[in-house]
Protein backbone atom coordinates (compact mmCIF):
# COMPACT_ATOMS: atom_id res chain seq x y z
CA MET A 1 23.66 10.42 -3.00
CA ALA A 2 21.19 8.74 -5.58
CA ILE A 3 19.43 6.16 -7.27
CA ARG A 4 22.63 3.79 -8.24
CA GLN A 5 20.51 1.72 -10.54
CA TYR A 6 16.81 0.68 -11.71
CA ARG A 7 16.23 -3.25 -12.07
CA VAL A 8 13.15 -5.51 -13.42
CA ASP A 9 13.21 -8.55 -11.33
CA PHE A 10 10.21 -10.58 -10.30
CA ARG A 11 11.77 -12.00 -7.15
CA MET A 12 12.50 -8.12 -6.22
CA LEU A 13 14.83 -8.76 -3.63
CA HIS A 14 16.86 -11.70 -2.85
CA GLY A 15 20.43 -12.64 -2.50
CA GLN A 16 21.93 -11.56 -5.98
CA VAL A 17 20.15 -7.94 -5.19
CA CYS A 18 20.61 -7.42 -2.01
CA ALA A 19 24.31 -9.23 -1.30
CA ALA A 20 25.83 -8.86 -4.70
CA PHE A 21 24.46 -5.53 -5.94
CA GLY A 22 23.95 -3.89 -2.74
CA SER A 23 27.25 -4.58 -1.68
CA VAL A 24 28.63 -3.32 -4.78
CA TYR A 25 26.65 -0.19 -4.86
CA GLY A 26 26.25 0.43 -0.99
CA ILE A 27 22.63 0.55 -1.18
CA ASP A 28 20.97 1.78 2.50
CA GLU A 29 17.48 1.73 0.72
CA TYR A 30 15.59 -0.35 -1.55
CA LEU A 31 12.46 1.32 -3.47
CA VAL A 32 10.16 -2.04 -4.75
CA VAL A 33 7.99 -0.65 -7.65
CA ASN A 34 4.77 -2.94 -7.71
CA ALA A 35 0.97 -1.99 -6.86
CA GLU A 36 -0.33 -5.56 -5.93
CA THR A 37 2.93 -6.27 -3.72
CA ALA A 38 2.41 -3.07 -1.93
CA LYS A 39 -0.77 -3.92 -0.79
CA ASP A 40 0.30 -7.38 0.65
CA ASP A 41 1.94 -7.00 4.18
CA PHE A 42 3.55 -10.41 4.22
CA GLN A 43 5.56 -10.41 0.95
CA VAL A 44 6.46 -6.89 2.39
CA SER A 45 7.76 -8.31 5.64
CA LEU A 46 9.34 -10.88 3.21
CA LEU A 47 10.97 -8.14 1.47
CA GLU A 48 12.06 -6.59 4.78
CA MET A 49 13.78 -9.64 5.79
CA ALA A 50 15.64 -9.99 2.41
CA ALA A 51 17.08 -6.44 2.65
CA ILE A 52 19.52 -7.49 5.69
CA SER A 53 20.31 -3.67 7.05
CA SER A 54 18.85 -1.85 4.19
CA ALA A 55 15.42 0.24 4.16
CA VAL A 56 12.43 -1.26 2.07
CA ARG A 57 9.73 0.75 0.74
CA VAL A 58 6.97 -0.82 -1.35
CA VAL A 59 4.84 1.34 -3.74
CA SER A 60 2.92 1.61 -6.94
CA PRO A 61 4.53 3.08 -9.69
CA LYS A 62 2.54 6.66 -9.09
CA GLU A 63 3.72 6.55 -5.79
CA ALA A 64 7.60 5.81 -6.75
CA TYR A 65 7.31 8.67 -9.20
CA GLY A 66 6.22 10.73 -6.08
CA ILE A 67 9.13 9.67 -4.31
CA ILE A 68 11.62 9.91 -6.87
CA THR A 69 11.02 13.53 -8.02
CA SER A 70 10.89 14.78 -4.73
CA ASP A 71 14.01 15.16 -2.66
CA ASP A 72 12.68 12.26 -0.53
CA LEU A 73 15.73 10.32 -1.41
CA GLU A 74 18.29 12.69 -1.04
CA GLY A 75 20.98 11.22 1.19
CA ARG A 76 20.59 7.86 0.65
CA SER A 77 21.97 5.45 -2.04
CA THR A 78 18.95 3.69 -3.81
CA MET A 79 18.07 0.89 -5.79
CA VAL A 80 14.91 0.97 -7.72
CA VAL A 81 13.32 -2.89 -8.24
CA PHE A 82 10.69 -3.16 -10.56
CA LYS A 83 8.85 -6.64 -10.22
CA GLU A 84 7.48 -6.45 -13.86
CA ILE A 85 8.37 -4.68 -16.56
CA GLU A 86 4.98 -3.22 -16.92
CA ASP A 87 5.64 -1.34 -14.07
CA ALA A 88 8.84 -0.09 -15.28
CA VAL A 89 6.78 1.19 -18.41
CA GLU A 90 4.22 2.89 -16.32
CA LEU A 91 7.08 4.92 -14.31
CA ILE A 92 9.49 5.68 -16.83
CA VAL A 93 7.39 6.18 -20.01
CA ASP A 94 3.56 6.73 -19.03
CA LEU A 95 4.43 8.97 -16.27
CA GLY A 96 7.25 10.70 -17.92
CA LEU A 97 9.97 9.41 -15.66
CA GLY A 98 13.75 10.19 -17.32
CA VAL A 99 15.67 6.97 -16.46
CA LYS A 100 18.68 6.65 -18.87
CA SER A 101 19.40 2.88 -18.00
CA LEU A 102 17.41 -0.11 -16.83
CA GLN A 103 18.92 -3.51 -16.15
CA ILE A 104 16.76 -6.65 -16.64
CA SER A 105 17.18 -10.07 -15.03
CA GLY A 106 14.62 -12.15 -13.30
CA MET A 107 12.27 -12.30 -15.77
CA PHE A 108 10.96 -15.98 -15.72
CA ALA A 109 8.18 -18.36 -17.36
CA LYS A 110 4.77 -17.09 -16.66
CA THR A 111 1.53 -19.15 -15.88
CA GLY A 112 -0.77 -17.99 -19.02
CA ARG A 113 1.84 -16.49 -20.84
CA LYS A 114 4.17 -18.05 -23.45
CA ARG A 115 7.38 -16.60 -22.67
CA LYS A 116 10.36 -17.93 -24.92
CA GLN A 117 13.85 -18.41 -22.83
CA TYR A 118 16.76 -16.33 -24.02
CA ASP A 119 19.17 -16.73 -20.87
CA LEU A 120 19.06 -18.36 -17.49
CA THR A 121 17.04 -15.50 -15.98
CA LEU A 122 15.35 -14.20 -19.16
CA PHE A 123 11.97 -15.36 -20.58
CA ALA A 124 9.83 -12.88 -22.75
CA ASP A 125 7.19 -12.70 -24.62
CA ASP A 126 5.18 -10.63 -27.64
CA GLN A 127 4.11 -8.10 -24.50
CA ASP A 128 7.59 -8.11 -22.79
CA CYS A 129 8.81 -7.04 -26.12
CA ALA A 130 6.41 -4.39 -26.77
CA ALA A 131 7.40 -2.93 -23.40
CA PHE A 132 11.15 -3.24 -24.35
CA ARG A 133 10.66 -1.24 -27.52
CA LYS A 134 8.57 1.44 -25.53
CA LEU A 135 11.35 1.86 -23.06
CA GLU A 136 14.06 2.12 -25.42
CA ASP A 137 11.81 4.38 -27.89
CA ALA A 138 11.77 6.51 -24.86
CA GLY A 139 15.75 6.77 -24.72
CA VAL A 140 16.31 4.00 -22.10
CA ASP A 141 19.51 2.08 -22.55
CA LEU A 142 18.24 -1.58 -21.89
CA THR A 143 20.74 -4.18 -20.48
CA PHE A 144 20.52 -7.70 -18.98
CA GLN A 145 22.72 -8.56 -16.12
CA VAL A 146 22.16 -11.42 -13.24
CA VAL A 147 24.99 -10.17 -10.65
CA PRO A 148 27.78 -7.74 -11.23
CA ASP A 149 30.45 -10.39 -12.00
CA TYR A 150 28.34 -11.37 -15.00
CA LYS A 151 28.98 -8.83 -17.97
CA ALA A 152 26.52 -6.84 -19.06
CA LYS A 153 24.82 -7.66 -22.23
CA LYS A 154 22.54 -5.25 -24.47
CA LEU A 155 19.16 -6.65 -24.27
CA SER A 156 18.91 -6.08 -27.77
CA ALA A 157 21.17 -8.61 -28.47
CA LEU A 158 19.57 -11.71 -26.64
CA VAL A 159 15.96 -10.66 -27.92
CA ARG A 160 14.51 -8.99 -30.99
CA TYR A 161 12.08 -6.54 -30.25
């Protein structure tokens, strides 16, 4: 098997990810990418509970790169979930992981940032738009999709960046 999906979702693992996408793709492991969350044992235990019967690893972007580029995921159906768009940029662009597509959802309003709402679960500001541009310039196809039944949309059709 392989990595079935790369997704940005601030809530990381929850019903839409685990129950909806997890069952559609037959996910048996989630690789959650965010350095701060990886250091928070309580948060990690909550993510493990949310994943139902799938394995969960919570790692930094650099650790994720090592896992993905080794044969450590062989035989698994894996979903990579980034907490922040910056985590995706670090892994995909800065560290050079060749990713063809990235699904965006679960980017919410945030204290200290003036994010504009583009869809129910999509808020972005200039910093986010710069990240989108950086990813797209690296050849990553960006889509927005909340759940599998929700038709995927090109991110650029919703947000100018």
